[in-house]
Amino acid sequence: MKIVKIVDSTHFEADKCSNGGRYSFTTTFRKIADDKFEVSYSTSADFDYCPFCGSFYQGSCPCGMEGPDIVSWEEVKKEIEVANIRRYHNGENIEVRWED
């Protein structure tokens, strides 16, 4: 396991996924060292979306981040647990993907 992706397609609709407000959102945790993961964000929307804070913006993102957050494996596991609760207990369309 080098990459964990949490894909939230709860409100996704194929005909409105680019600019119609029904987007998917992905949080990616990429392993960069023992117990260290780089976090990035993406969306199916065609609008400006900050890969560092996970927010839409116009012009430049007000978050001011110049690089991704770095988190531990414990923090990644917590995010996976939350995603699984949302999927299995709340019935949301959340998927956890493991990639090499």
PDB file of N, CA and C in Angstrom:
ATOM      1  N   MET A   1       0.843  -1.175   0.000  1.00  0.00           N
ATOM      2  CA  MET A   1       0.000   0.000   0.000  1.00  0.00           C
ATOM      3  C   MET A   1       0.887   1.236   0.000  1.00  0.00           C
ATOM      4  N   LYS A   2       0.777   2.002  -1.048  1.00  0.00           N
ATOM      5  CA  LYS A   2       1.500   3.265  -1.129  1.00  0.00           C
ATOM      6  C   LYS A   2       0.534   4.443  -1.162  1.00  0.00           C
ATOM      7  N   ILE A   3      -0.682   4.192  -1.675  1.00  0.00           N
ATOM      8  CA  ILE A   3      -1.663   5.266  -1.803  1.00  0.00           C
ATOM      9  C   ILE A   3      -3.019   4.770  -1.315  1.00  0.00           C
ATOM     10  N   VAL A   4      -3.692   5.614  -0.547  1.00  0.00           N
ATOM     11  CA  VAL A   4      -5.069   5.357  -0.146  1.00  0.00           C
ATOM     12  C   VAL A   4      -5.895   6.525  -0.664  1.00  0.00           C
ATOM     13  N   LYS A   5      -6.971   6.193  -1.388  1.00  0.00           N
ATOM     14  CA  LYS A   5      -7.866   7.225  -1.890  1.00  0.00           C
ATOM     15  C   LYS A   5      -9.243   7.010  -1.275  1.00  0.00           C
ATOM     16  N   ILE A   6      -9.806   8.094  -0.765  1.00  0.00           N
ATOM     17  CA  ILE A   6     -11.179   8.062  -0.280  1.00  0.00           C
ATOM     18  C   ILE A   6     -11.993   8.902  -1.258  1.00  0.00           C
ATOM     19  N   VAL A   7     -12.908   8.233  -1.956  1.00  0.00           N
ATOM     20  CA  VAL A   7     -13.697   8.883  -3.005  1.00  0.00           C
ATOM     21  C   VAL A   7     -15.137   9.011  -2.518  1.00  0.00           C
ATOM     22  N   ASP A   8     -15.607  10.251  -2.442  1.00  0.00           N
ATOM     23  CA  ASP A   8     -16.969  10.544  -2.017  1.00  0.00           C
ATOM     24  C   ASP A   8     -17.790  10.911  -3.246  1.00  0.00           C
ATOM     25  N   SER A   9     -18.650   9.991  -3.661  1.00  0.00           N
ATOM     26  CA  SER A   9     -19.531  10.217  -4.816  1.00  0.00           C
ATOM     27  C   SER A   9     -20.984  10.319  -4.362  1.00  0.00           C
ATOM     28  N   THR A  10     -21.200  10.669  -3.110  1.00  0.00           N
ATOM     29  CA  THR A  10     -22.532  10.711  -2.527  1.00  0.00           C
ATOM     30  C   THR A  10     -23.478  11.596  -3.329  1.00  0.00           C
ATOM     31  N   HIS A  11     -23.023  12.749  -3.765  1.00  0.00           N
ATOM     32  CA  HIS A  11     -23.887  13.686  -4.485  1.00  0.00           C
ATOM     33  C   HIS A  11     -23.567  13.756  -5.973  1.00  0.00           C
ATOM     34  N   PHE A  12     -22.719  12.857  -6.446  1.00  0.00           N
ATOM     35  CA  PHE A  12     -22.276  12.840  -7.845  1.00  0.00           C
ATOM     36  C   PHE A  12     -23.424  12.469  -8.781  1.00  0.00           C
ATOM     37  N   GLU A  13     -23.528  13.223  -9.875  1.00  0.00           N
ATOM     38  CA  GLU A  13     -24.421  12.880 -10.985  1.00  0.00           C
ATOM     39  C   GLU A  13     -23.636  13.117 -12.267  1.00  0.00           C
ATOM     40  N   ALA A  14     -23.572  12.108 -13.118  1.00  0.00           N
ATOM     41  CA  ALA A  14     -22.725  12.161 -14.314  1.00  0.00           C
ATOM     42  C   ALA A  14     -23.002  13.371 -15.200  1.00  0.00           C
ATOM     43  N   ASP A  15     -24.253  13.769 -15.342  1.00  0.00           N
ATOM     44  CA  ASP A  15     -24.565  14.890 -16.236  1.00  0.00           C
ATOM     45  C   ASP A  15     -24.359  16.250 -15.571  1.00  0.00           C
ATOM     46  N   LYS A  16     -24.023  16.262 -14.267  1.00  0.00           N
ATOM     47  CA  LYS A  16     -23.810  17.526 -13.555  1.00  0.00           C
ATOM     48  C   LYS A  16     -22.493  17.529 -12.771  1.00  0.00           C
ATOM     49  N   CYS A  17     -21.580  16.619 -13.132  1.00  0.00           N
ATOM     50  CA  CYS A  17     -20.371  16.422 -12.333  1.00  0.00           C
ATOM     51  C   CYS A  17     -19.241  17.403 -12.634  1.00  0.00           C
ATOM     52  N   SER A  18     -19.361  18.184 -13.704  1.00  0.00           N
ATOM     53  CA  SER A  18     -18.285  19.118 -14.058  1.00  0.00           C
ATOM     54  C   SER A  18     -18.590  20.546 -13.632  1.00  0.00           C
ATOM     55  N   ASN A  19     -19.824  20.984 -13.877  1.00  0.00           N
ATOM     56  CA  ASN A  19     -20.172  22.359 -13.515  1.00  0.00           C
ATOM     57  C   ASN A  19     -21.624  22.503 -13.068  1.00  0.00           C
ATOM     58  N   GLY A  20     -22.234  21.401 -12.668  1.00  0.00           N
ATOM     59  CA  GLY A  20     -23.643  21.432 -12.280  1.00  0.00           C
ATOM     60  C   GLY A  20     -23.901  21.253 -10.797  1.00  0.00           C
ATOM     61  N   GLY A  21     -22.850  21.233  -9.986  1.00  0.00           N
ATOM     62  CA  GLY A  21     -23.033  21.171  -8.545  1.00  0.00           C
ATOM     63  C   GLY A  21     -23.144  19.781  -7.950  1.00  0.00           C
ATOM     64  N   ARG A  22     -23.029  18.748  -8.757  1.00  0.00           N
ATOM     65  CA  ARG A  22     -23.160  17.367  -8.263  1.00  0.00           C
ATOM     66  C   ARG A  22     -21.829  16.635  -8.465  1.00  0.00           C
ATOM     67  N   TYR A  23     -20.829  17.023  -7.676  1.00  0.00           N
ATOM     68  CA  TYR A  23     -19.453  16.603  -7.878  1.00  0.00           C
ATOM     69  C   TYR A  23     -19.070  15.403  -7.011  1.00  0.00           C
ATOM     70  N   SER A  24     -17.995  14.760  -7.415  1.00  0.00           N
ATOM     71  CA  SER A  24     -17.324  13.789  -6.547  1.00  0.00           C
ATOM     72  C   SER A  24     -16.101  14.488  -5.956  1.00  0.00           C
ATOM     73  N   PHE A  25     -15.673  14.003  -4.797  1.00  0.00           N
ATOM     74  CA  PHE A  25     -14.508  14.563  -4.118  1.00  0.00           C
ATOM     75  C   PHE A  25     -13.594  13.419  -3.699  1.00  0.00           C
ATOM     76  N   THR A  26     -12.298  13.619  -3.863  1.00  0.00           N
ATOM     77  CA  THR A  26     -11.328  12.583  -3.514  1.00  0.00           C
ATOM     78  C   THR A  26     -10.264  13.159  -2.593  1.00  0.00           C
ATOM     79  N   THR A  27      -9.976  12.402  -1.540  1.00  0.00           N
ATOM     80  CA  THR A  27      -8.844  12.703  -0.663  1.00  0.00           C
ATOM     81  C   THR A  27      -7.829  11.602  -0.893  1.00  0.00           C
ATOM     82  N   THR A  28      -6.600  11.988  -1.213  1.00  0.00           N
ATOM     83  CA  THR A  28      -5.544  11.027  -1.506  1.00  0.00           C
ATOM     84  C   THR A  28      -4.453  11.128  -0.447  1.00  0.00           C
ATOM     85  N   PHE A  29      -4.086   9.976   0.108  1.00  0.00           N
ATOM     86  CA  PHE A  29      -2.992   9.877   1.070  1.00  0.00           C
ATOM     87  C   PHE A  29      -1.883   9.076   0.388  1.00  0.00           C
ATOM     88  N   ARG A  30      -0.766   9.722   0.091  1.00  0.00           N
ATOM     89  CA  ARG A  30       0.353   9.064  -0.598  1.00  0.00           C
ATOM     90  C   ARG A  30       1.501   8.889   0.381  1.00  0.00           C
ATOM     91  N   LYS A  31       1.919   7.638   0.555  1.00  0.00           N
ATOM     92  CA  LYS A  31       3.002   7.352   1.491  1.00  0.00           C
ATOM     93  C   LYS A  31       4.310   7.928   0.970  1.00  0.00           C
ATOM     94  N   ILE A  32       4.980   8.707   1.817  1.00  0.00           N
ATOM     95  CA  ILE A  32       6.247   9.322   1.413  1.00  0.00           C
ATOM     96  C   ILE A  32       7.414   8.863   2.282  1.00  0.00           C
ATOM     97  N   ALA A  33       7.108   8.238   3.425  1.00  0.00           N
ATOM     98  CA  ALA A  33       8.132   7.719   4.330  1.00  0.00           C
ATOM     99  C   ALA A  33       7.433   6.816   5.336  1.00  0.00           C
ATOM    100  N   ASP A  34       8.222   6.141   6.170  1.00  0.00           N
ATOM    101  CA  ASP A  34       7.603   5.338   7.225  1.00  0.00           C
ATOM    102  C   ASP A  34       6.697   6.224   8.054  1.00  0.00           C
ATOM    103  N   ASP A  35       5.434   5.841   8.148  1.00  0.00           N
ATOM    104  CA  ASP A  35       4.435   6.530   8.968  1.00  0.00           C
ATOM    105  C   ASP A  35       4.185   7.976   8.543  1.00  0.00           C
ATOM    106  N   LYS A  36       4.480   8.333   7.307  1.00  0.00           N
ATOM    107  CA  LYS A  36       4.233   9.699   6.817  1.00  0.00           C
ATOM    108  C   LYS A  36       3.495   9.640   5.481  1.00  0.00           C
ATOM    109  N   PHE A  37       2.406  10.390   5.404  1.00  0.00           N
ATOM    110  CA  PHE A  37       1.583  10.434   4.210  1.00  0.00           C
ATOM    111  C   PHE A  37       1.310  11.874   3.821  1.00  0.00           C
ATOM    112  N   GLU A  38       1.428  12.144   2.531  1.00  0.00           N
ATOM    113  CA  GLU A  38       1.114  13.448   1.956  1.00  0.00           C
ATOM    114  C   GLU A  38      -0.379  13.439   1.596  1.00  0.00           C
ATOM    115  N   VAL A  39      -1.104  14.497   1.957  1.00  0.00           N
ATOM    116  CA  VAL A  39      -2.544  14.576   1.717  1.00  0.00           C
ATOM    117  C   VAL A  39      -2.829  15.554   0.584  1.00  0.00           C
ATOM    118  N   SER A  40      -3.646  15.125  -0.377  1.00  0.00           N
ATOM    119  CA  SER A  40      -4.083  16.034  -1.438  1.00  0.00           C
ATOM    120  C   SER A  40      -5.569  15.804  -1.712  1.00  0.00           C
ATOM    121  N   TYR A  41      -6.180  16.810  -2.326  1.00  0.00           N
ATOM    122  CA  TYR A  41      -7.617  16.799  -2.569  1.00  0.00           C
ATOM    123  C   TYR A  41      -7.891  17.078  -4.038  1.00  0.00           C
ATOM    124  N   SER A  42      -8.971  16.475  -4.558  1.00  0.00           N
ATOM    125  CA  SER A  42      -9.384  16.740  -5.931  1.00  0.00           C
ATOM    126  C   SER A  42     -10.903  16.589  -6.029  1.00  0.00           C
ATOM    127  N   THR A  43     -11.442  17.027  -7.157  1.00  0.00           N
ATOM    128  CA  THR A  43     -12.880  16.983  -7.397  1.00  0.00           C
ATOM    129  C   THR A  43     -13.142  16.771  -8.877  1.00  0.00           C
ATOM    130  N   SER A  44     -14.368  16.376  -9.190  1.00  0.00           N
ATOM    131  CA  SER A  44     -14.763  16.228 -10.591  1.00  0.00           C
ATOM    132  C   SER A  44     -15.165  17.574 -11.203  1.00  0.00           C
ATOM    133  N   ALA A  45     -15.288  18.609 -10.394  1.00  0.00           N
ATOM    134  CA  ALA A  45     -15.702  19.938 -10.864  1.00  0.00           C
ATOM    135  C   ALA A  45     -14.641  20.562 -11.768  1.00  0.00           C
ATOM    136  N   ASP A  46     -15.100  21.397 -12.669  1.00  0.00           N
ATOM    137  CA  ASP A  46     -14.196  22.122 -13.564  1.00  0.00           C
ATOM    138  C   ASP A  46     -13.682  23.424 -12.961  1.00  0.00           C
ATOM    139  N   PHE A  47     -14.078  23.746 -11.757  1.00  0.00           N
ATOM    140  CA  PHE A  47     -13.708  25.007 -11.129  1.00  0.00           C
ATOM    141  C   PHE A  47     -12.396  24.879 -10.366  1.00  0.00           C
ATOM    142  N   ASP A  48     -11.775  26.027 -10.069  1.00  0.00           N
ATOM    143  CA  ASP A  48     -10.529  26.029  -9.297  1.00  0.00           C
ATOM    144  C   ASP A  48     -10.776  25.396  -7.935  1.00  0.00           C
ATOM    145  N   TYR A  49      -9.931  24.439  -7.595  1.00  0.00           N
ATOM    146  CA  TYR A  49     -10.081  23.676  -6.354  1.00  0.00           C
ATOM    147  C   TYR A  49      -8.681  23.432  -5.803  1.00  0.00           C
ATOM    148  N   CYS A  50      -8.460  23.834  -4.579  1.00  0.00           N
ATOM    149  CA  CYS A  50      -7.122  23.747  -3.995  1.00  0.00           C
ATOM    150  C   CYS A  50      -6.779  22.313  -3.605  1.00  0.00           C
ATOM    151  N   PRO A  51      -5.680  21.776  -4.135  1.00  0.00           N
ATOM    152  CA  PRO A  51      -5.282  20.416  -3.781  1.00  0.00           C
ATOM    153  C   PRO A  51      -4.693  20.310  -2.368  1.00  0.00           C
ATOM    154  N   PHE A  52      -4.411  21.451  -1.747  1.00  0.00           N
ATOM    155  CA  PHE A  52      -3.789  21.443  -0.423  1.00  0.00           C
ATOM    156  C   PHE A  52      -4.801  21.567   0.719  1.00  0.00           C
ATOM    157  N   CYS A  53      -5.878  22.349   0.512  1.00  0.00           N
ATOM    158  CA  CYS A  53      -6.872  22.504   1.593  1.00  0.00           C
ATOM    159  C   CYS A  53      -8.226  21.912   1.237  1.00  0.00           C
ATOM    160  N   GLY A  54      -8.453  21.593  -0.048  1.00  0.00           N
ATOM    161  CA  GLY A  54      -9.710  20.987  -0.453  1.00  0.00           C
ATOM    162  C   GLY A  54     -10.868  21.959  -0.504  1.00  0.00           C
ATOM    163  N   SER A  55     -10.629  23.180  -0.992  1.00  0.00           N
ATOM    164  CA  SER A  55     -11.679  24.196  -1.079  1.00  0.00           C
ATOM    165  C   SER A  55     -11.729  24.794  -2.485  1.00  0.00           C
ATOM    166  N   PHE A  56     -12.943  25.164  -2.896  1.00  0.00           N
ATOM    167  CA  PHE A  56     -13.093  25.925  -4.134  1.00  0.00           C
ATOM    168  C   PHE A  56     -12.612  27.349  -3.881  1.00  0.00           C
ATOM    169  N   TYR A  57     -12.118  27.997  -4.935  1.00  0.00           N
ATOM    170  CA  TYR A  57     -11.666  29.385  -4.795  1.00  0.00           C
ATOM    171  C   TYR A  57     -11.726  30.084  -6.139  1.00  0.00           C
ATOM    172  N   GLN A  58     -11.645  31.407  -6.107  1.00  0.00           N
ATOM    173  CA  GLN A  58     -11.529  32.213  -7.317  1.00  0.00           C
ATOM    174  C   GLN A  58     -10.261  33.035  -7.186  1.00  0.00           C
ATOM    175  N   GLY A  59      -9.499  33.134  -8.248  1.00  0.00           N
ATOM    176  CA  GLY A  59      -8.231  33.873  -8.200  1.00  0.00           C
ATOM    177  C   GLY A  59      -7.143  33.011  -7.613  1.00  0.00           C
ATOM    178  N   SER A  60      -6.820  33.231  -6.352  1.00  0.00           N
ATOM    179  CA  SER A  60      -5.858  32.367  -5.663  1.00  0.00           C
ATOM    180  C   SER A  60      -6.490  31.898  -4.356  1.00  0.00           C
ATOM    181  N   CYS A  61      -6.151  30.713  -3.939  1.00  0.00           N
ATOM    182  CA  CYS A  61      -6.758  30.137  -2.740  1.00  0.00           C
ATOM    183  C   CYS A  61      -6.307  30.922  -1.503  1.00  0.00           C
ATOM    184  N   PRO A  62      -7.241  31.314  -0.664  1.00  0.00           N
ATOM    185  CA  PRO A  62      -6.880  32.079   0.524  1.00  0.00           C
ATOM    186  C   PRO A  62      -6.214  31.241   1.630  1.00  0.00           C
ATOM    187  N   CYS A  63      -6.124  29.925   1.437  1.00  0.00           N
ATOM    188  CA  CYS A  63      -5.527  29.094   2.487  1.00  0.00           C
ATOM    189  C   CYS A  63      -4.047  29.411   2.690  1.00  0.00           C
ATOM    190  N   GLY A  64      -3.373  29.861   1.610  1.00  0.00           N
ATOM    191  CA  GLY A  64      -1.965  30.219   1.713  1.00  0.00           C
ATOM    192  C   GLY A  64      -1.007  29.041   1.769  1.00  0.00           C
ATOM    193  N   MET A  65      -1.526  27.832   1.689  1.00  0.00           N
ATOM    194  CA  MET A  65      -0.648  26.658   1.743  1.00  0.00           C
ATOM    195  C   MET A  65       0.177  26.560   0.463  1.00  0.00           C
ATOM    196  N   GLU A  66       1.426  26.170   0.604  1.00  0.00           N
ATOM    197  CA  GLU A  66       2.305  26.026  -0.559  1.00  0.00           C
ATOM    198  C   GLU A  66       2.647  24.568  -0.829  1.00  0.00           C
ATOM    199  N   GLY A  67       2.126  23.685  -0.010  1.00  0.00           N
ATOM    200  CA  GLY A  67       2.366  22.261  -0.174  1.00  0.00           C
ATOM    201  C   GLY A  67       1.364  21.482   0.649  1.00  0.00           C
ATOM    202  N   PRO A  68       1.351  20.181   0.454  1.00  0.00           N
ATOM    203  CA  PRO A  68       0.365  19.355   1.151  1.00  0.00           C
ATOM    204  C   PRO A  68       0.692  19.160   2.633  1.00  0.00           C
ATOM    205  N   ASP A  69      -0.352  18.886   3.405  1.00  0.00           N
ATOM    206  CA  ASP A  69      -0.154  18.469   4.791  1.00  0.00           C
ATOM    207  C   ASP A  69       0.495  17.099   4.809  1.00  0.00           C
ATOM    208  N   ILE A  70       1.251  16.827   5.849  1.00  0.00           N
ATOM    209  CA  ILE A  70       1.847  15.520   6.079  1.00  0.00           C
ATOM    210  C   ILE A  70       1.213  14.961   7.353  1.00  0.00           C
ATOM    211  N   VAL A  71       0.677  13.731   7.252  1.00  0.00           N
ATOM    212  CA  VAL A  71       0.002  13.120   8.390  1.00  0.00           C
ATOM    213  C   VAL A  71       0.576  11.734   8.659  1.00  0.00           C
ATOM    214  N   SER A  72       0.258  11.202   9.831  1.00  0.00           N
ATOM    215  CA  SER A  72       0.727   9.876  10.229  1.00  0.00           C
ATOM    216  C   SER A  72      -0.252   8.792   9.758  1.00  0.00           C
ATOM    217  N   TRP A  73       0.188   7.542   9.836  1.00  0.00           N
ATOM    218  CA  TRP A  73      -0.667   6.411   9.496  1.00  0.00           C
ATOM    219  C   TRP A  73      -1.886   6.380  10.421  1.00  0.00           C
ATOM    220  N   GLU A  74      -1.731   6.759  11.670  1.00  0.00           N
ATOM    221  CA  GLU A  74      -2.859   6.804  12.604  1.00  0.00           C
ATOM    222  C   GLU A  74      -3.940   7.755  12.101  1.00  0.00           C
ATOM    223  N   GLU A  75      -3.548   8.896  11.581  1.00  0.00           N
ATOM    224  CA  GLU A  75      -4.516   9.862  11.053  1.00  0.00           C
ATOM    225  C   GLU A  75      -5.195   9.330   9.792  1.00  0.00           C
ATOM    226  N   VAL A  76      -4.445   8.625   8.955  1.00  0.00           N
ATOM    227  CA  VAL A  76      -5.028   8.019   7.760  1.00  0.00           C
ATOM    228  C   VAL A  76      -6.057   6.969   8.178  1.00  0.00           C
ATOM    229  N   LYS A  77      -5.712   6.141   9.155  1.00  0.00           N
ATOM    230  CA  LYS A  77      -6.645   5.113   9.630  1.00  0.00           C
ATOM    231  C   LYS A  77      -7.937   5.732  10.159  1.00  0.00           C
ATOM    232  N   LYS A  78      -7.838   6.844  10.863  1.00  0.00           N
ATOM    233  CA  LYS A  78      -9.039   7.523  11.363  1.00  0.00           C
ATOM    234  C   LYS A  78      -9.925   7.985  10.216  1.00  0.00           C
ATOM    235  N   GLU A  79      -9.315   8.523   9.168  1.00  0.00           N
ATOM    236  CA  GLU A  79     -10.087   8.974   8.002  1.00  0.00           C
ATOM    237  C   GLU A  79     -10.761   7.793   7.301  1.00  0.00           C
ATOM    238  N   ILE A  80     -10.076   6.654   7.243  1.00  0.00           N
ATOM    239  CA  ILE A  80     -10.659   5.448   6.651  1.00  0.00           C
ATOM    240  C   ILE A  80     -11.838   4.981   7.490  1.00  0.00           C
ATOM    241  N   GLU A  81     -11.698   5.002   8.807  1.00  0.00           N
ATOM    242  CA  GLU A  81     -12.796   4.611   9.699  1.00  0.00           C
ATOM    243  C   GLU A  81     -14.011   5.503   9.495  1.00  0.00           C
ATOM    244  N   VAL A  82     -13.798   6.812   9.416  1.00  0.00           N
ATOM    245  CA  VAL A  82     -14.904   7.751   9.197  1.00  0.00           C
ATOM    246  C   VAL A  82     -15.574   7.463   7.848  1.00  0.00           C
ATOM    247  N   ALA A  83     -14.774   7.225   6.818  1.00  0.00           N
ATOM    248  CA  ALA A  83     -15.323   6.914   5.494  1.00  0.00           C
ATOM    249  C   ALA A  83     -16.164   5.642   5.544  1.00  0.00           C
ATOM    250  N   ASN A  84     -15.683   4.636   6.244  1.00  0.00           N
ATOM    251  CA  ASN A  84     -16.434   3.382   6.344  1.00  0.00           C
ATOM    252  C   ASN A  84     -17.721   3.550   7.148  1.00  0.00           C
ATOM    253  N   ILE A  85     -17.702   4.363   8.181  1.00  0.00           N
ATOM    254  CA  ILE A  85     -18.931   4.652   8.936  1.00  0.00           C
ATOM    255  C   ILE A  85     -19.937   5.354   8.029  1.00  0.00           C
ATOM    256  N   ARG A  86     -19.451   6.344   7.286  1.00  0.00           N
ATOM    257  CA  ARG A  86     -20.346   7.057   6.373  1.00  0.00           C
ATOM    258  C   ARG A  86     -20.932   6.107   5.333  1.00  0.00           C
ATOM    259  N   ARG A  87     -20.140   5.164   4.859  1.00  0.00           N
ATOM    260  CA  ARG A  87     -20.614   4.233   3.834  1.00  0.00           C
ATOM    261  C   ARG A  87     -21.561   3.192   4.403  1.00  0.00           C
ATOM    262  N   TYR A  88     -21.123   2.490   5.437  1.00  0.00           N
ATOM    263  CA  TYR A  88     -21.875   1.329   5.915  1.00  0.00           C
ATOM    264  C   TYR A  88     -22.984   1.671   6.897  1.00  0.00           C
ATOM    265  N   HIS A  89     -22.846   2.758   7.631  1.00  0.00           N
ATOM    266  CA  HIS A  89     -23.879   3.110   8.605  1.00  0.00           C
ATOM    267  C   HIS A  89     -24.814   4.202   8.105  1.00  0.00           C
ATOM    268  N   ASN A  90     -24.305   5.099   7.296  1.00  0.00           N
ATOM    269  CA  ASN A  90     -25.118   6.216   6.811  1.00  0.00           C
ATOM    270  C   ASN A  90     -25.605   6.008   5.377  1.00  0.00           C
ATOM    271  N   GLY A  91     -25.081   4.979   4.700  1.00  0.00           N
ATOM    272  CA  GLY A  91     -25.504   4.683   3.339  1.00  0.00           C
ATOM    273  C   GLY A  91     -24.992   5.646   2.283  1.00  0.00           C
ATOM    274  N   GLU A  92     -23.925   6.386   2.607  1.00  0.00           N
ATOM    275  CA  GLU A  92     -23.366   7.326   1.631  1.00  0.00           C
ATOM    276  C   GLU A  92     -22.492   6.578   0.625  1.00  0.00           C
ATOM    277  N   ASN A  93     -22.328   7.155  -0.550  1.00  0.00           N
ATOM    278  CA  ASN A  93     -21.542   6.537  -1.615  1.00  0.00           C
ATOM    279  C   ASN A  93     -20.068   6.932  -1.451  1.00  0.00           C
ATOM    280  N   ILE A  94     -19.396   6.243  -0.538  1.00  0.00           N
ATOM    281  CA  ILE A  94     -17.991   6.483  -0.223  1.00  0.00           C
ATOM    282  C   ILE A  94     -17.210   5.210  -0.544  1.00  0.00           C
ATOM    283  N   GLU A  95     -16.072   5.369  -1.173  1.00  0.00           N
ATOM    284  CA  GLU A  95     -15.229   4.219  -1.510  1.00  0.00           C
ATOM    285  C   GLU A  95     -13.801   4.465  -1.035  1.00  0.00           C
ATOM    286  N   VAL A  96     -13.219   3.438  -0.420  1.00  0.00           N
ATOM    287  CA  VAL A  96     -11.814   3.497  -0.028  1.00  0.00           C
ATOM    288  C   VAL A  96     -11.044   2.621  -1.014  1.00  0.00           C
ATOM    289  N   ARG A  97     -10.063   3.233  -1.691  1.00  0.00           N
ATOM    290  CA  ARG A  97      -9.271   2.509  -2.694  1.00  0.00           C
ATOM    291  C   ARG A  97      -7.824   2.429  -2.213  1.00  0.00           C
ATOM    292  N   TRP A  98      -7.243   1.260  -2.387  1.00  0.00           N
ATOM    293  CA  TRP A  98      -5.830   1.039  -2.033  1.00  0.00           C
ATOM    294  C   TRP A  98      -5.075   0.816  -3.325  1.00  0.00           C
ATOM    295  N   GLU A  99      -3.996   1.553  -3.530  1.00  0.00           N
ATOM    296  CA  GLU A  99      -3.202   1.447  -4.768  1.00  0.00           C
ATOM    297  C   GLU A  99      -1.726   1.322  -4.425  1.00  0.00           C
ATOM    298  N   ASP A 100      -0.999   0.669  -5.316  1.00  0.00           N
ATOM    299  CA  ASP A 100       0.461   0.579  -5.165  1.00  0.00           C
ATOM    300  C   ASP A 100       1.127   1.644  -5.989  1.00  0.00           C
TER     301      ASP A 100
END
